[in-house]
Structure formats: structure tokens, C-alpha cells
Amino acid sequence: MRTYKQLTSGKRYQISALKRMGHNLTEIAKELEVHKSTISRELCRNAGERGYRPKQADEKASESLVRAAMSQLQLSARAYHRILKLARTIADLAESEEIQSTHLAEALQYRPKIMMG
């Protein structure tokens, strides 16, 4: 069975640095220990006029995670803001200026589970 991992903010910055140094997709994939199609999709999804921008790529990933959580977990606007507040606290504890997708994912894990009976 395959396991899938999301790219972290750090890996996105590594992709950017390796790309600027002239490495090809295969070399970048080996360095980050991911499949080269992962790198290809990441670069295609997040390439703009000024090239690959890891900060914007991470922001898009965070927005996508929140949208998916909102629809799948049927979160209210109040729950959404509570999760953002918790993610901000987690980011502060990690001494990060910005909320990253990992902070949002962790905040979502702390959401109380409702038992249906």
C-alpha cells in the first residue's frame, strides 16, 4: 500500500532553491525523497509569471486544506474561526510568523469528535 505525504513548507523552499540551482525534476525528487511527479505537479500548480514561489504555494495548500475541512466536516463559520485561532497559537508556539498548513492540520486534529449514536 502506498503512503502519501503532503509537501511541507520547508520542502517547498528546498524545491525552489534546487530549481534555482539548475537541478532537474529527478534530482530534486531524489533529494526530497518523493516521486518526481510530485515535484512536477507542485511546480505546475504553483508557477506564476515570476516562477515558482514557495510562500504562495504553501498559502494555497493551507487554503485548500481549510476548504476541504469546511466541507467534509461541515464546519460552521464559528468553528472555522476557532480553528484559525488555535492554528495561530500553534504557529506562535513554533515561533512562526505565519500560519502554515501543518499548523492548520494540527488544529483540526484537536477538534472535538461528535459521537453519533
Protein backbone atom coordinates (compact mmCIF):
# COMPACT_ATOMS: atom_id res chain seq x y z
CA MET A 1 0.00 0.00 0.00
CA ARG A 2 1.30 3.44 -0.90
CA THR A 3 1.54 6.21 1.60
CA TYR A 4 1.14 9.80 0.54
CA LYS A 5 2.67 12.80 2.26
CA GLN A 6 1.97 16.45 1.71
CA LEU A 7 4.88 18.71 0.97
CA THR A 8 5.89 20.81 3.94
CA SER A 9 6.81 24.46 3.80
CA GLY A 10 10.47 23.52 4.22
CA LYS A 11 10.34 21.13 1.28
CA ARG A 12 8.71 23.80 -0.87
CA TYR A 13 11.61 26.14 -0.13
CA GLN A 14 14.05 23.31 -0.92
CA ILE A 15 12.31 22.80 -4.29
CA SER A 16 12.68 26.49 -5.02
CA ALA A 17 16.37 26.56 -4.07
CA LEU A 18 17.23 23.39 -6.00
CA LYS A 19 15.33 24.64 -9.06
CA ARG A 20 17.23 27.95 -8.96
CA MET A 21 20.50 25.99 -8.75
CA GLY A 22 19.59 24.26 -12.01
CA HIS A 23 18.61 20.80 -10.76
CA ASN A 24 16.11 18.83 -12.84
CA LEU A 25 12.90 17.19 -11.54
CA THR A 26 14.51 13.78 -11.00
CA GLU A 27 17.37 15.23 -8.95
CA ILE A 28 15.01 17.32 -6.84
CA ALA A 29 12.75 14.31 -6.24
CA LYS A 30 15.67 12.15 -5.12
CA GLU A 31 16.91 14.87 -2.78
CA LEU A 32 13.47 15.27 -1.17
CA GLU A 33 12.68 11.53 -1.29
CA VAL A 34 9.41 11.98 -3.20
CA HIS A 35 8.27 10.86 -6.63
CA LYS A 36 9.23 13.15 -9.50
CA SER A 37 5.55 13.53 -10.44
CA THR A 38 5.02 15.17 -7.03
CA ILE A 39 7.63 17.78 -7.92
CA SER A 40 6.20 18.22 -11.40
CA ARG A 41 2.65 18.78 -10.08
CA GLU A 42 3.89 21.17 -7.41
CA LEU A 43 5.78 23.27 -9.96
CA CYS A 44 2.88 23.28 -12.43
CA ARG A 45 0.24 24.19 -9.82
CA ASN A 46 2.25 27.00 -8.30
CA ALA A 47 4.21 28.55 -11.16
CA GLY A 48 3.41 32.15 -11.91
CA GLU A 49 4.88 34.88 -14.04
CA ARG A 50 7.81 35.15 -11.64
CA GLY A 51 8.38 31.39 -11.45
CA TYR A 52 7.79 29.02 -8.56
CA ARG A 53 7.00 30.86 -5.32
CA PRO A 54 7.12 28.58 -2.25
CA LYS A 55 5.37 31.04 0.08
CA GLN A 56 2.35 31.33 -2.21
CA ALA A 57 2.39 27.56 -2.77
CA ASP A 58 2.19 26.98 0.98
CA GLU A 59 -0.63 29.53 1.33
CA LYS A 60 -2.60 27.80 -1.44
CA ALA A 61 -2.09 24.43 0.27
CA SER A 62 -3.36 25.88 3.57
CA GLU A 63 -6.42 27.39 1.90
CA SER A 64 -7.14 24.09 0.18
CA LEU A 65 -6.86 22.21 3.48
CA VAL A 66 -9.27 24.60 5.20
CA ARG A 67 -11.78 24.43 2.32
CA ALA A 68 -11.70 20.63 2.36
CA ALA A 69 -12.14 20.56 6.15
CA MET A 70 -15.02 23.04 6.00
CA SER A 71 -16.95 20.93 3.51
CA GLN A 72 -16.09 17.44 4.77
CA LEU A 73 -16.50 18.23 8.47
CA GLN A 74 -19.39 20.65 7.84
CA LEU A 75 -17.78 23.36 9.93
CA SER A 76 -19.68 26.48 10.85
CA ALA A 77 -18.14 29.93 10.49
CA ARG A 78 -17.63 29.95 14.27
CA ALA A 79 -15.78 26.61 14.16
CA TYR A 80 -13.66 27.88 11.26
CA HIS A 81 -12.55 30.91 13.29
CA ARG A 82 -11.86 28.80 16.37
CA ILE A 83 -9.62 26.53 14.29
CA LEU A 84 -7.79 29.58 12.89
CA LYS A 85 -7.25 30.92 16.42
CA LEU A 86 -5.86 27.59 17.56
CA ALA A 87 -3.64 27.36 14.46
CA ARG A 88 -2.32 30.86 15.25
CA THR A 89 -1.47 29.69 18.79
CA ILE A 90 0.31 26.62 17.41
CA ALA A 91 2.25 28.82 14.97
CA ASP A 92 3.21 31.14 17.85
CA LEU A 93 4.48 28.21 19.89
CA ALA A 94 6.52 27.12 16.87
CA GLU A 95 7.86 30.71 16.64
CA SER A 96 6.43 31.08 13.15
CA GLU A 97 5.24 34.45 11.91
CA GLU A 98 2.64 32.88 9.63
CA ILE A 99 0.16 30.06 9.97
CA GLN A 100 1.31 27.13 7.84
CA SER A 101 -0.64 24.12 6.60
CA THR A 102 0.97 21.96 9.30
CA HIS A 103 -0.39 24.32 11.97
CA LEU A 104 -3.88 24.13 10.47
CA ALA A 105 -3.72 20.34 10.22
CA GLU A 106 -2.73 20.12 13.88
CA ALA A 107 -5.52 22.50 14.91
CA LEU A 108 -8.04 20.37 13.01
CA GLN A 109 -6.87 17.29 14.92
CA TYR A 110 -7.81 18.95 18.21
CA ARG A 111 -11.38 19.47 17.05
CA PRO A 112 -13.78 17.60 19.36
CA LYS A 113 -15.22 14.43 17.89
CA ILE A 114 -19.01 14.18 17.98
CA MET A 115 -20.30 10.70 18.63
CA MET A 116 -23.36 9.75 16.62
CA GLY A 117 -25.49 7.12 18.29
